[in-house]
C-alpha atoms as a PDB file:
ATOM      1  CA  MET A   1       2.168 -15.104   1.431  1.00  0.00           C
ATOM      2  CA  ASN A   2       4.080 -11.922   2.215  1.00  0.00           C
ATOM      3  CA  ARG A   3       7.240 -13.441   0.737  1.00  0.00           C
ATOM      4  CA  PHE A   4       5.365 -14.291  -2.460  1.00  0.00           C
ATOM      5  CA  ALA A   5       4.240 -10.668  -2.697  1.00  0.00           C
ATOM      6  CA  GLU A   6       7.874  -9.563  -2.402  1.00  0.00           C
ATOM      7  CA  VAL A   7       8.862 -11.802  -5.334  1.00  0.00           C
ATOM      8  CA  ARG A   8       5.904 -10.654  -7.418  1.00  0.00           C
ATOM      9  CA  ASP A   9       6.570  -6.970  -6.701  1.00  0.00           C
ATOM     10  CA  LEU A  10      10.243  -7.317  -7.583  1.00  0.00           C
ATOM     11  CA  ILE A  11       9.445  -8.999 -10.888  1.00  0.00           C
ATOM     12  CA  LEU A  12       6.777  -6.451 -11.761  1.00  0.00           C
ATOM     13  CA  SER A  13       9.157  -3.600 -10.963  1.00  0.00           C
ATOM     14  CA  LEU A  14      11.563  -4.966 -13.578  1.00  0.00           C
ATOM     15  CA  GLU A  15       9.000  -5.252 -16.363  1.00  0.00           C
ATOM     16  CA  GLY A  16       9.736  -1.836 -17.844  1.00  0.00           C
ATOM     17  CA  ASP A  17      13.478  -2.432 -17.828  1.00  0.00           C
ATOM     18  CA  PHE A  18      13.034  -5.806 -19.559  1.00  0.00           C
ATOM     19  CA  ASP A  19      11.052  -4.075 -22.288  1.00  0.00           C
ATOM     20  CA  LYS A  20      13.607  -1.292 -22.657  1.00  0.00           C
ATOM     21  CA  PHE A  21      16.500  -3.734 -22.851  1.00  0.00           C
ATOM     22  CA  TYR A  22      15.077  -6.451 -25.101  1.00  0.00           C
ATOM     23  CA  ASP A  23      12.895  -4.344 -27.372  1.00  0.00           C
ATOM     24  CA  LYS A  24      14.755  -1.045 -27.487  1.00  0.00           C
ATOM     25  CA  GLY A  25      18.349  -2.097 -26.829  1.00  0.00           C
ATOM     26  CA  ASN A  26      18.804   0.204 -23.833  1.00  0.00           C
ATOM     27  CA  GLN A  27      22.041  -0.997 -22.199  1.00  0.00           C
ATOM     28  CA  ALA A  28      21.413   0.814 -18.892  1.00  0.00           C
ATOM     29  CA  ALA A  29      18.119  -1.043 -18.578  1.00  0.00           C
ATOM     30  CA  GLY A  30      20.057  -4.287 -19.022  1.00  0.00           C
ATOM     31  CA  THR A  31      22.234  -3.344 -16.060  1.00  0.00           C
ATOM     32  CA  ARG A  32      19.110  -2.732 -13.969  1.00  0.00           C
ATOM     33  CA  VAL A  33      17.666  -6.076 -15.093  1.00  0.00           C
ATOM     34  CA  ARG A  34      20.837  -7.886 -14.044  1.00  0.00           C
ATOM     35  CA  GLY A  35      20.771  -6.160 -10.664  1.00  0.00           C
ATOM     36  CA  GLY A  36      17.120  -7.028 -10.187  1.00  0.00           C
ATOM     37  CA  MET A  37      17.727 -10.629 -11.109  1.00  0.00           C
ATOM     38  CA  GLN A  38      20.515 -10.793  -8.531  1.00  0.00           C
ATOM     39  CA  GLN A  39      18.074  -9.446  -5.936  1.00  0.00           C
ATOM     40  CA  LEU A  40      15.574 -12.086  -7.038  1.00  0.00           C
ATOM     41  CA  LYS A  41      18.191 -14.804  -6.645  1.00  0.00           C
ATOM     42  CA  THR A  42      19.021 -13.609  -3.135  1.00  0.00           C
ATOM     43  CA  LEU A  43      15.356 -13.362  -2.173  1.00  0.00           C
ATOM     44  CA  ALA A  44      14.675 -16.836  -3.573  1.00  0.00           C
ATOM     45  CA  GLN A  45      17.529 -18.290  -1.513  1.00  0.00           C
ATOM     46  CA  GLU A  46      16.233 -16.594   1.644  1.00  0.00           C
ATOM     47  CA  ILE A  47      12.750 -17.998   1.039  1.00  0.00           C
ATOM     48  CA  ARG A  48      14.160 -21.440   0.301  1.00  0.00           C
ATOM     49  CA  THR A  49      16.112 -21.423   3.577  1.00  0.00           C
ATOM     50  CA  GLU A  50      13.084 -20.174   5.513  1.00  0.00           C
ATOM     51  CA  VAL A  51      10.841 -22.897   4.064  1.00  0.00           C
ATOM     52  CA  GLN A  52      13.410 -25.570   4.898  1.00  0.00           C
ATOM     53  CA  GLU A  53      13.688 -24.356   8.505  1.00  0.00           C
ATOM     54  CA  ILE A  54       9.909 -24.312   8.944  1.00  0.00           C
ATOM     55  CA  LYS A  55       9.650 -27.767   7.413  1.00  0.00           C
ATOM     56  CA  ASN A  56      12.382 -29.197   9.645  1.00  0.00           C
ATOM     57  CA  ASN A  57      10.885 -27.652  12.800  1.00  0.00           C
ATOM     58  CA  ALA A  58       7.428 -28.990  11.967  1.00  0.00           C
ATOM     59  CA  ALA A  59       8.799 -32.510  11.620  1.00  0.00           C
ATOM     60  CA  LYS A  60      10.055 -32.531  15.213  1.00  0.00           C
END
């Protein structure tokens, strides 16, 4: 569940920047949102790979 906490914390850390970008039009916040979403994508891929490895090793 530690990996889930990482995803949750990353998303929650971006909440303020989402608000600033979408509601207030702050362009710098949009840059931070894009960077955070890239981090989320990378983290999601790492978790996906980890789950697949665990699944494949359990099947043996």
